[in-house]
Amino acid sequence: MAQQAEDEVASGKLTHDQAVDRVRNLIHAMRYGQGEYLILTAMDGTAIAHGGNPKQEGEQRIGVKDANGKLLTVAMIDAARHECHQRRGSLHL
């Protein structure tokens, strides 16, 4: 979904803002498991899309901790970097 939006920006079919809005709207509508939701976070920790609470979009979430005190956003960013490195890919947004 994000790759398709990125491709449409590259081809001139969408602006970057239109692509972000499209992905954000899709994330707002998605649920998995028993009502869990997705969060799309930029590599700097800014929430781009928050399926559970759209009011948090645009907020810096680098200091958010889970119930055990682990820095949740930092862990997600580290996992994304590791996965990207393993696949020799690139990270966007």
Protein backbone atom coordinates (compact mmCIF):
# COMPACT_ATOMS: atom_id res chain seq x y z
CA MET A 1 0.00 0.00 0.00
CA ALA A 2 2.75 2.48 0.91
CA GLN A 3 4.91 1.33 -2.01
CA GLN A 4 2.03 1.83 -4.43
CA ALA A 5 1.45 5.35 -3.11
CA GLU A 6 5.18 6.08 -3.38
CA ASP A 7 5.21 4.81 -6.97
CA GLU A 8 2.29 7.10 -7.82
CA VAL A 9 4.19 10.06 -6.39
CA ALA A 10 7.25 9.14 -8.47
CA SER A 11 5.12 8.94 -11.62
CA GLY A 12 3.45 12.28 -10.90
CA LYS A 13 -0.04 10.82 -10.35
CA LEU A 14 -0.14 11.97 -6.72
CA THR A 15 1.57 14.61 -4.65
CA HIS A 16 3.42 13.47 -1.54
CA ASP A 17 0.64 14.90 0.66
CA GLN A 18 -2.04 13.09 -1.35
CA ALA A 19 -0.13 9.82 -1.00
CA VAL A 20 0.26 10.27 2.75
CA ASP A 21 -3.47 11.04 3.07
CA ARG A 22 -4.34 7.91 1.07
CA VAL A 23 -2.18 5.66 3.23
CA ARG A 24 -3.42 7.37 6.40
CA ASN A 25 -7.07 6.75 5.43
CA LEU A 26 -6.35 3.08 4.72
CA ILE A 27 -4.62 2.65 8.08
CA HIS A 28 -7.55 4.30 9.88
CA ALA A 29 -9.87 1.66 8.40
CA MET A 30 -7.67 -1.39 9.10
CA ARG A 31 -8.03 -3.70 12.08
CA TYR A 32 -6.56 -7.10 12.80
CA GLY A 33 -6.87 -9.69 15.52
CA GLN A 34 -9.42 -8.53 18.04
CA GLY A 35 -9.58 -4.88 17.07
CA GLU A 36 -5.88 -4.08 17.13
CA TYR A 37 -4.79 -1.24 14.86
CA LEU A 38 -1.75 -0.08 12.93
CA ILE A 39 0.52 2.88 13.54
CA LEU A 40 2.80 4.30 10.85
CA THR A 41 5.76 6.13 12.32
CA ALA A 42 8.49 8.10 10.58
CA MET A 43 12.09 7.21 11.35
CA ASP A 44 12.32 10.29 13.58
CA GLY A 45 9.48 8.98 15.75
CA THR A 46 6.71 11.21 14.41
CA ALA A 47 3.34 9.45 14.07
CA ILE A 48 2.25 9.67 10.44
CA ALA A 49 -0.89 7.55 10.81
CA HIS A 50 -2.47 6.17 13.97
CA GLY A 51 -5.31 3.72 13.49
CA GLY A 52 -6.37 3.85 17.11
CA ASN A 53 -6.15 7.57 17.77
CA PRO A 54 -5.75 9.84 14.71
CA LYS A 55 -5.35 12.85 17.07
CA GLN A 56 -1.83 11.57 17.76
CA GLU A 57 -0.79 12.01 14.12
CA GLY A 58 1.99 14.53 13.81
CA GLU A 59 3.07 13.98 17.41
CA GLN A 60 6.60 13.02 18.35
CA ARG A 61 6.37 9.54 19.92
CA ILE A 62 10.03 8.69 20.47
CA GLY A 63 9.56 8.69 24.27
CA VAL A 64 6.47 6.42 24.35
CA LYS A 65 6.99 3.40 26.61
CA ASP A 66 5.15 0.09 26.80
CA ALA A 67 3.78 -1.38 30.05
CA ASN A 68 7.27 -2.70 30.93
CA GLY A 69 8.98 0.66 30.43
CA LYS A 70 10.55 -0.25 27.08
CA LEU A 71 10.78 2.61 24.58
CA LEU A 72 8.21 1.29 22.13
CA THR A 73 8.76 3.66 19.21
CA VAL A 74 12.54 3.29 19.46
CA ALA A 75 12.12 -0.52 19.38
CA MET A 76 9.89 -0.31 16.29
CA ILE A 77 12.37 1.95 14.49
CA ASP A 78 15.27 -0.35 15.40
CA ALA A 79 13.31 -3.38 14.13
CA ALA A 80 12.55 -1.60 10.85
CA ARG A 81 16.21 -0.65 10.40
CA HIS A 82 17.29 -4.22 11.11
CA GLU A 83 14.74 -5.68 8.66
CA CYS A 84 15.79 -3.18 6.00
CA HIS A 85 19.45 -4.02 6.52
CA GLN A 86 18.71 -7.75 6.29
CA ARG A 87 16.91 -7.24 2.97
CA ARG A 88 19.35 -4.60 1.74
CA GLY A 89 16.42 -2.35 1.02
CA SER A 90 15.61 1.25 1.73
CA LEU A 91 13.39 2.99 4.23
CA HIS A 92 11.10 5.84 3.28
CA LEU A 93 8.87 8.36 5.03
